[in-house]
Amino acid sequence: MIHYHVWFTLKPAVDEAEGLAVARSFLNELAGRGAVGRSLLLRNTGEAPKSRLPRYHALFEFADDQQMERAFAAQRAEGIHACAHGRLVAEMQVEVFREV
């Protein structure tokens, strides 16, 4: 299992409810077409200085490298920054973990 983590903030002009609705829609679309095994959208409740991570966290679980590569190939074809989440996100930090 591969866990793809994205911590992010929304651009200042983006309404939180609207931005999170777009993020949820994106996660649901990926899950609906089998591009991910599971996905979650989380809000970081820690405040600075206790937490240095951005406000939101999207977690994507992939069964294997092939599923992850297919998902990224589709996203590259659409255009990483052209899609809705690319227009709404201000800051992003990505980490990939593999189960051991």
Protein backbone atom coordinates (compact mmCIF):
# COMPACT_ATOMS: atom_id res chain seq x y z
CA MET A 1 0.00 0.00 0.00
CA ILE A 2 1.26 3.46 -0.92
CA HIS A 3 0.11 6.48 1.08
CA TYR A 4 0.36 9.78 -0.81
CA HIS A 5 -0.03 12.75 1.54
CA VAL A 6 -0.71 16.31 0.44
CA TRP A 7 -0.79 19.10 3.01
CA PHE A 8 -2.07 22.36 1.55
CA THR A 9 -3.52 25.81 2.09
CA LEU A 10 -6.10 27.58 -0.01
CA LYS A 11 -5.39 30.86 -1.75
CA PRO A 12 -6.54 33.84 0.37
CA ALA A 13 -9.30 34.80 -2.08
CA VAL A 14 -10.79 31.28 -2.02
CA ASP A 15 -13.78 30.74 0.25
CA GLU A 16 -13.03 27.79 2.56
CA ALA A 17 -16.36 26.02 1.96
CA GLU A 18 -15.98 26.38 -1.82
CA GLY A 19 -12.34 25.26 -1.81
CA LEU A 20 -13.06 22.20 0.33
CA ALA A 21 -16.06 21.31 -1.83
CA VAL A 22 -13.77 21.30 -4.87
CA ALA A 23 -11.23 19.16 -3.00
CA ARG A 24 -13.94 16.69 -1.92
CA SER A 25 -15.27 16.51 -5.46
CA PHE A 26 -11.77 15.77 -6.76
CA LEU A 27 -11.24 13.00 -4.19
CA ASN A 28 -14.65 11.50 -4.90
CA GLU A 29 -14.03 11.57 -8.66
CA LEU A 30 -10.72 9.72 -8.23
CA ALA A 31 -12.33 7.11 -6.00
CA GLY A 32 -15.32 6.78 -8.33
CA ARG A 33 -13.16 5.80 -11.28
CA GLY A 34 -10.93 3.51 -9.22
CA ALA A 35 -7.89 5.77 -9.46
CA VAL A 36 -7.32 5.46 -5.70
CA GLY A 37 -8.10 2.79 -3.16
CA ARG A 38 -9.20 5.33 -0.59
CA SER A 39 -8.94 9.06 0.00
CA LEU A 40 -9.54 11.36 2.96
CA LEU A 41 -9.75 15.10 3.40
CA LEU A 42 -8.67 16.34 6.84
CA ARG A 43 -8.27 19.68 8.63
CA ASN A 44 -5.20 20.27 10.79
CA THR A 45 -6.44 21.41 14.20
CA GLY A 46 -2.96 22.31 15.41
CA GLU A 47 -2.00 25.95 15.47
CA ALA A 48 1.45 27.47 15.12
CA PRO A 49 3.89 26.98 16.75
CA LYS A 50 2.65 23.48 17.72
CA SER A 51 2.13 22.51 14.09
CA ARG A 52 4.22 23.54 11.12
CA LEU A 53 2.02 21.74 8.60
CA PRO A 54 -0.46 23.53 6.33
CA ARG A 55 -4.14 23.70 7.31
CA TYR A 56 -5.53 20.85 5.15
CA HIS A 57 -4.42 17.29 4.49
CA ALA A 58 -5.51 15.06 1.61
CA LEU A 59 -4.54 11.41 1.91
CA PHE A 60 -4.60 9.08 -1.08
CA GLU A 61 -4.08 5.34 -0.73
CA PHE A 62 -2.90 3.36 -3.74
CA ALA A 63 -2.81 -0.43 -3.89
CA ASP A 64 0.44 -0.47 -5.85
CA ASP A 65 2.78 1.51 -8.12
CA GLN A 66 0.66 0.77 -11.18
CA GLN A 67 -2.49 2.29 -9.68
CA MET A 68 -0.55 5.36 -8.57
CA GLU A 69 1.10 5.77 -11.98
CA ARG A 70 -2.25 5.53 -13.77
CA ALA A 71 -3.70 8.21 -11.51
CA PHE A 72 -0.76 10.54 -12.09
CA ALA A 73 -0.73 9.91 -15.84
CA ALA A 74 -4.37 10.94 -16.02
CA GLN A 75 -3.66 14.04 -13.93
CA ARG A 76 -0.68 15.00 -16.11
CA ALA A 77 -2.84 14.63 -19.23
CA GLU A 78 -5.41 17.01 -17.74
CA GLY A 79 -2.73 19.41 -16.56
CA ILE A 80 -1.65 19.65 -12.94
CA HIS A 81 -2.21 23.41 -12.67
CA ALA A 82 -5.13 23.63 -15.10
CA CYS A 83 -7.46 21.53 -12.95
CA ALA A 84 -9.64 23.12 -10.28
CA HIS A 85 -7.44 22.22 -7.31
CA GLY A 86 -4.42 23.67 -9.10
CA ARG A 87 -6.18 27.04 -9.30
CA LEU A 88 -7.29 27.06 -5.64
CA VAL A 89 -4.21 25.86 -3.76
CA ALA A 90 -1.64 28.35 -2.49
CA GLU A 91 0.87 26.12 -0.73
CA MET A 92 1.41 22.39 -1.00
CA GLN A 93 3.70 19.86 0.67
CA VAL A 94 3.77 16.27 -0.59
CA GLU A 95 5.15 13.14 1.07
CA VAL A 96 4.88 9.50 -0.05
CA PHE A 97 4.98 6.59 2.39
CA ARG A 98 5.05 2.87 1.71
CA GLU A 99 3.86 0.27 4.16
CA VAL A 100 6.73 -1.85 5.49
